[in-house]
Amino acid sequence: MTQLNPRDGHIVLINTFKVKSGKAEALLAALIKATETTVNKIPGFVSANFHVSLNGKQVVNYAQWRSKADFDRAMQVPEFQAHMKEMFELIESFDPVLYELRYSHGA
C-alpha cells in the first residue's frame, strides 16, 4: 500500500509511457504481471501504482523505492530488464523521472 509521508525518505519514480494505439490495457497487464512476479521481490521495493489516461494514450507508473541505491540495483536485475524489453513492443516512448516527496496532505 502506498503511504505518502515525506519523512519516510522514499524515492519516487514517475514513469510516463506513451503507448502505441490500442495498447494501454496490454501495457497495464504487463506492468501488473512484472510487479507481481518480479518487482515486488526486489529489495527496496515499496509500492507501485498504475494510472491509465482517459484517452488511452498514456500509462503512468507511480512507484516508491526505499532509496535511490535500491532503485539503481533493481534496474540491474535481469528479470526486471526482461520485463522491460517485453513492454517496448507496446510503447512509443517512456519518460522515467525520480523524485523526492517533499509534502503530502490528505483530506
N, C-alpha and C. Protein backbone atom coordinates (compact mmCIF):
# COMPACT_ATOMS: atom_id res chain seq x y z
N MET A 1 0.84 -1.17 0.00
CA MET A 1 0.00 0.00 0.00
C MET A 1 0.89 1.24 0.00
N THR A 2 0.56 2.17 -0.83
CA THR A 2 1.33 3.40 -0.90
C THR A 2 1.03 4.28 0.30
N GLN A 3 2.07 4.69 0.97
CA GLN A 3 1.98 5.62 2.08
C GLN A 3 2.77 6.87 1.68
N LEU A 4 2.13 8.01 1.73
CA LEU A 4 2.79 9.25 1.33
C LEU A 4 3.21 10.04 2.55
N ASN A 5 4.44 9.81 2.97
CA ASN A 5 4.98 10.50 4.13
C ASN A 5 6.39 10.96 3.78
N PRO A 6 6.59 12.26 3.63
CA PRO A 6 7.92 12.76 3.26
C PRO A 6 9.03 12.31 4.20
N ARG A 7 8.70 12.05 5.47
CA ARG A 7 9.71 11.62 6.43
C ARG A 7 10.24 10.21 6.15
N ASP A 8 9.53 9.42 5.35
CA ASP A 8 9.99 8.07 5.02
C ASP A 8 11.25 8.09 4.17
N GLY A 9 11.46 9.17 3.42
CA GLY A 9 12.65 9.29 2.60
C GLY A 9 12.65 8.43 1.35
N HIS A 10 11.50 7.90 0.98
CA HIS A 10 11.43 7.06 -0.22
C HIS A 10 11.71 7.88 -1.48
N ILE A 11 12.30 7.20 -2.45
CA ILE A 11 12.47 7.78 -3.78
C ILE A 11 11.22 7.43 -4.58
N VAL A 12 10.71 8.37 -5.33
CA VAL A 12 9.51 8.16 -6.13
C VAL A 12 9.90 8.15 -7.60
N LEU A 13 9.47 7.11 -8.29
CA LEU A 13 9.63 7.04 -9.74
C LEU A 13 8.29 7.37 -10.36
N ILE A 14 8.26 8.37 -11.21
CA ILE A 14 7.07 8.64 -12.02
C ILE A 14 7.51 8.43 -13.46
N ASN A 15 6.96 7.37 -14.05
CA ASN A 15 7.35 6.97 -15.40
C ASN A 15 6.12 7.07 -16.29
N THR A 16 6.17 7.95 -17.28
CA THR A 16 5.06 8.13 -18.21
C THR A 16 5.38 7.39 -19.50
N PHE A 17 4.52 6.43 -19.82
CA PHE A 17 4.64 5.66 -21.05
C PHE A 17 3.66 6.21 -22.07
N LYS A 18 4.14 6.54 -23.25
CA LYS A 18 3.25 6.86 -24.37
C LYS A 18 3.05 5.54 -25.11
N VAL A 19 1.81 5.06 -25.12
CA VAL A 19 1.55 3.72 -25.65
C VAL A 19 1.16 3.76 -27.12
N LYS A 20 1.46 2.67 -27.80
CA LYS A 20 1.01 2.51 -29.17
C LYS A 20 -0.52 2.43 -29.17
N SER A 21 -1.12 2.81 -30.27
CA SER A 21 -2.57 2.86 -30.37
C SER A 21 -3.22 1.54 -29.94
N GLY A 22 -4.15 1.65 -29.00
CA GLY A 22 -4.89 0.48 -28.55
C GLY A 22 -4.14 -0.45 -27.62
N LYS A 23 -2.97 -0.06 -27.13
CA LYS A 23 -2.14 -0.96 -26.32
C LYS A 23 -2.10 -0.62 -24.84
N ALA A 24 -2.90 0.32 -24.38
CA ALA A 24 -2.84 0.72 -22.97
C ALA A 24 -3.18 -0.43 -22.03
N GLU A 25 -4.22 -1.19 -22.33
CA GLU A 25 -4.61 -2.29 -21.45
C GLU A 25 -3.57 -3.40 -21.46
N ALA A 26 -2.96 -3.64 -22.60
CA ALA A 26 -1.90 -4.65 -22.68
C ALA A 26 -0.69 -4.22 -21.86
N LEU A 27 -0.34 -2.94 -21.93
CA LEU A 27 0.78 -2.44 -21.13
C LEU A 27 0.45 -2.52 -19.64
N LEU A 28 -0.76 -2.13 -19.28
CA LEU A 28 -1.17 -2.23 -17.89
C LEU A 28 -1.04 -3.67 -17.39
N ALA A 29 -1.51 -4.62 -18.17
CA ALA A 29 -1.41 -6.04 -17.78
C ALA A 29 0.05 -6.46 -17.63
N ALA A 30 0.92 -5.99 -18.53
CA ALA A 30 2.34 -6.34 -18.47
C ALA A 30 3.00 -5.73 -17.23
N LEU A 31 2.64 -4.50 -16.90
CA LEU A 31 3.19 -3.86 -15.71
C LEU A 31 2.74 -4.57 -14.43
N ILE A 32 1.48 -4.94 -14.39
CA ILE A 32 0.97 -5.66 -13.22
C ILE A 32 1.67 -7.01 -13.08
N LYS A 33 1.81 -7.72 -14.19
CA LYS A 33 2.49 -9.03 -14.15
C LYS A 33 3.93 -8.88 -13.66
N ALA A 34 4.65 -7.90 -14.21
CA ALA A 34 6.04 -7.69 -13.80
C ALA A 34 6.13 -7.35 -12.32
N THR A 35 5.20 -6.53 -11.84
CA THR A 35 5.21 -6.14 -10.42
C THR A 35 4.94 -7.34 -9.53
N GLU A 36 3.93 -8.13 -9.90
CA GLU A 36 3.52 -9.25 -9.04
C GLU A 36 4.46 -10.44 -9.09
N THR A 37 5.21 -10.59 -10.17
CA THR A 37 6.10 -11.75 -10.28
C THR A 37 7.56 -11.45 -10.00
N THR A 38 7.98 -10.21 -10.20
CA THR A 38 9.41 -9.89 -10.09
C THR A 38 9.69 -8.69 -9.19
N VAL A 39 9.11 -7.54 -9.54
CA VAL A 39 9.49 -6.29 -8.89
C VAL A 39 9.22 -6.32 -7.39
N ASN A 40 8.09 -6.90 -6.98
CA ASN A 40 7.77 -6.90 -5.55
C ASN A 40 8.72 -7.74 -4.72
N LYS A 41 9.57 -8.53 -5.35
CA LYS A 41 10.55 -9.35 -4.64
C LYS A 41 11.93 -8.69 -4.57
N ILE A 42 12.10 -7.58 -5.25
CA ILE A 42 13.40 -6.90 -5.29
C ILE A 42 13.56 -6.07 -4.01
N PRO A 43 14.68 -6.26 -3.30
CA PRO A 43 14.90 -5.49 -2.07
C PRO A 43 14.80 -3.98 -2.33
N GLY A 44 14.08 -3.31 -1.44
CA GLY A 44 13.92 -1.86 -1.54
C GLY A 44 12.63 -1.43 -2.20
N PHE A 45 11.91 -2.36 -2.84
CA PHE A 45 10.63 -2.01 -3.45
C PHE A 45 9.63 -1.70 -2.36
N VAL A 46 8.85 -0.62 -2.54
CA VAL A 46 7.85 -0.22 -1.56
C VAL A 46 6.44 -0.35 -2.14
N SER A 47 6.20 0.25 -3.31
CA SER A 47 4.85 0.21 -3.88
C SER A 47 4.89 0.59 -5.35
N ALA A 48 3.82 0.21 -6.05
CA ALA A 48 3.64 0.60 -7.45
C ALA A 48 2.16 0.90 -7.68
N ASN A 49 1.91 1.93 -8.45
CA ASN A 49 0.56 2.35 -8.79
C ASN A 49 0.54 2.68 -10.28
N PHE A 50 -0.45 2.17 -10.98
CA PHE A 50 -0.52 2.38 -12.43
C PHE A 50 -1.78 3.16 -12.77
N HIS A 51 -1.62 4.14 -13.61
CA HIS A 51 -2.71 5.03 -14.00
C HIS A 51 -2.81 5.01 -15.53
N VAL A 52 -4.01 4.87 -16.05
CA VAL A 52 -4.24 4.89 -17.50
C VAL A 52 -4.99 6.18 -17.82
N SER A 53 -4.48 6.95 -18.76
CA SER A 53 -5.14 8.20 -19.13
C SER A 53 -6.52 7.91 -19.72
N LEU A 54 -7.42 8.85 -19.56
CA LEU A 54 -8.78 8.67 -20.06
C LEU A 54 -8.83 8.51 -21.58
N ASN A 55 -7.83 9.07 -22.26
CA ASN A 55 -7.80 8.92 -23.73
C ASN A 55 -7.06 7.66 -24.17
N GLY A 56 -6.52 6.90 -23.22
CA GLY A 56 -5.86 5.64 -23.55
C GLY A 56 -4.50 5.79 -24.23
N LYS A 57 -3.91 6.98 -24.16
CA LYS A 57 -2.65 7.21 -24.86
C LYS A 57 -1.43 7.16 -23.96
N GLN A 58 -1.64 7.24 -22.64
CA GLN A 58 -0.53 7.20 -21.69
C GLN A 58 -0.87 6.26 -20.54
N VAL A 59 0.17 5.65 -20.02
CA VAL A 59 0.09 4.89 -18.78
C VAL A 59 1.20 5.46 -17.89
N VAL A 60 0.86 5.75 -16.65
CA VAL A 60 1.84 6.31 -15.72
C VAL A 60 2.05 5.33 -14.58
N ASN A 61 3.31 5.12 -14.26
CA ASN A 61 3.69 4.29 -13.12
C ASN A 61 4.20 5.24 -12.04
N TYR A 62 3.53 5.22 -10.88
CA TYR A 62 3.98 5.96 -9.71
C TYR A 62 4.48 4.89 -8.74
N ALA A 63 5.78 4.80 -8.58
CA ALA A 63 6.37 3.74 -7.74
C ALA A 63 7.25 4.36 -6.68
N GLN A 64 7.32 3.68 -5.53
CA GLN A 64 8.18 4.11 -4.45
C GLN A 64 9.24 3.05 -4.20
N TRP A 65 10.47 3.53 -3.97
CA TRP A 65 11.60 2.68 -3.61
C TRP A 65 12.20 3.23 -2.33
N ARG A 66 12.73 2.36 -1.52
CA ARG A 66 13.30 2.76 -0.23
C ARG A 66 14.41 3.79 -0.41
N SER A 67 15.23 3.63 -1.46
CA SER A 67 16.34 4.56 -1.68
C SER A 67 16.71 4.55 -3.17
N LYS A 68 17.47 5.54 -3.57
CA LYS A 68 17.95 5.58 -4.96
C LYS A 68 18.87 4.40 -5.23
N ALA A 69 19.68 4.02 -4.25
CA ALA A 69 20.58 2.87 -4.42
C ALA A 69 19.77 1.59 -4.66
N ASP A 70 18.67 1.41 -3.94
CA ASP A 70 17.80 0.25 -4.17
C ASP A 70 17.22 0.28 -5.58
N PHE A 71 16.76 1.44 -6.00
CA PHE A 71 16.21 1.57 -7.35
C PHE A 71 17.28 1.26 -8.39
N ASP A 72 18.48 1.80 -8.22
CA ASP A 72 19.57 1.55 -9.16
C ASP A 72 19.90 0.06 -9.25
N ARG A 73 19.92 -0.61 -8.11
CA ARG A 73 20.18 -2.06 -8.11
C ARG A 73 19.06 -2.82 -8.82
N ALA A 74 17.83 -2.39 -8.61
CA ALA A 74 16.69 -3.05 -9.25
C ALA A 74 16.80 -2.98 -10.77
N MET A 75 17.30 -1.88 -11.29
CA MET A 75 17.42 -1.72 -12.74
C MET A 75 18.42 -2.71 -13.34
N GLN A 76 19.25 -3.32 -12.51
CA GLN A 76 20.25 -4.27 -12.98
C GLN A 76 19.78 -5.72 -12.89
N VAL A 77 18.62 -5.96 -12.30
CA VAL A 77 18.10 -7.32 -12.14
C VAL A 77 17.69 -7.85 -13.51
N PRO A 78 18.27 -8.97 -13.96
CA PRO A 78 17.98 -9.49 -15.31
C PRO A 78 16.49 -9.73 -15.57
N GLU A 79 15.76 -10.23 -14.58
CA GLU A 79 14.32 -10.47 -14.78
C GLU A 79 13.57 -9.16 -14.99
N PHE A 80 13.99 -8.12 -14.29
CA PHE A 80 13.36 -6.81 -14.46
C PHE A 80 13.64 -6.28 -15.87
N GLN A 81 14.87 -6.41 -16.31
CA GLN A 81 15.23 -5.96 -17.65
C GLN A 81 14.45 -6.72 -18.72
N ALA A 82 14.23 -8.01 -18.50
CA ALA A 82 13.46 -8.82 -19.46
C ALA A 82 12.02 -8.32 -19.56
N HIS A 83 11.43 -7.97 -18.43
CA HIS A 83 10.07 -7.42 -18.46
C HIS A 83 10.03 -6.11 -19.25
N MET A 84 11.04 -5.28 -19.05
CA MET A 84 11.06 -4.00 -19.76
C MET A 84 11.16 -4.21 -21.27
N LYS A 85 11.95 -5.18 -21.70
CA LYS A 85 12.07 -5.46 -23.13
C LYS A 85 10.72 -5.86 -23.72
N GLU A 86 9.93 -6.64 -22.97
CA GLU A 86 8.59 -7.02 -23.43
C GLU A 86 7.71 -5.78 -23.61
N MET A 87 7.84 -4.85 -22.71
CA MET A 87 7.00 -3.65 -22.76
C MET A 87 7.34 -2.73 -23.92
N PHE A 88 8.57 -2.78 -24.39
CA PHE A 88 8.96 -1.92 -25.51
C PHE A 88 8.12 -2.18 -26.75
N GLU A 89 7.55 -3.37 -26.88
CA GLU A 89 6.68 -3.70 -28.01
C GLU A 89 5.36 -2.94 -27.94
N LEU A 90 5.01 -2.44 -26.77
CA LEU A 90 3.70 -1.83 -26.56
C LEU A 90 3.75 -0.30 -26.49
N ILE A 91 4.94 0.27 -26.45
CA ILE A 91 5.06 1.71 -26.23
C ILE A 91 5.78 2.41 -27.37
N GLU A 92 5.50 3.70 -27.48
CA GLU A 92 6.24 4.55 -28.41
C GLU A 92 7.42 5.21 -27.72
N SER A 93 7.21 5.57 -26.45
CA SER A 93 8.28 6.21 -25.67
C SER A 93 7.95 6.10 -24.19
N PHE A 94 8.94 6.43 -23.36
CA PHE A 94 8.73 6.48 -21.92
C PHE A 94 9.64 7.54 -21.33
N ASP A 95 9.22 8.06 -20.18
CA ASP A 95 9.95 9.17 -19.56
C ASP A 95 10.02 8.93 -18.05
N PRO A 96 11.02 8.15 -17.59
CA PRO A 96 11.15 7.89 -16.15
C PRO A 96 11.90 9.03 -15.46
N VAL A 97 11.32 9.52 -14.36
CA VAL A 97 11.94 10.59 -13.59
C VAL A 97 11.86 10.22 -12.11
N LEU A 98 12.96 10.39 -11.40
CA LEU A 98 13.00 10.14 -9.95
C LEU A 98 12.74 11.44 -9.19
N TYR A 99 11.98 11.32 -8.10
CA TYR A 99 11.61 12.48 -7.30
C TYR A 99 11.82 12.17 -5.82
N GLU A 100 11.88 13.24 -5.03
CA GLU A 100 11.77 13.16 -3.58
C GLU A 100 10.41 13.71 -3.21
N LEU A 101 9.67 13.00 -2.37
CA LEU A 101 8.40 13.51 -1.87
C LEU A 101 8.72 14.55 -0.80
N ARG A 102 8.22 15.76 -0.99
CA ARG A 102 8.51 16.84 -0.05
C ARG A 102 7.30 17.21 0.82
N TYR A 103 6.10 16.96 0.29
CA TYR A 103 4.91 17.34 1.05
C TYR A 103 3.74 16.51 0.59
N SER A 104 2.89 16.13 1.54
CA SER A 104 1.66 15.40 1.23
C SER A 104 0.59 15.84 2.20
N HIS A 105 -0.60 16.05 1.69
CA HIS A 105 -1.72 16.50 2.53
C HIS A 105 -2.95 15.73 2.11
N GLY A 106 -3.58 15.04 3.02
CA GLY A 106 -4.77 14.27 2.72
C GLY A 106 -6.02 14.94 3.26
N ALA A 107 -7.16 14.49 2.77
CA ALA A 107 -8.44 15.07 3.22
C ALA A 107 -8.76 14.62 4.63
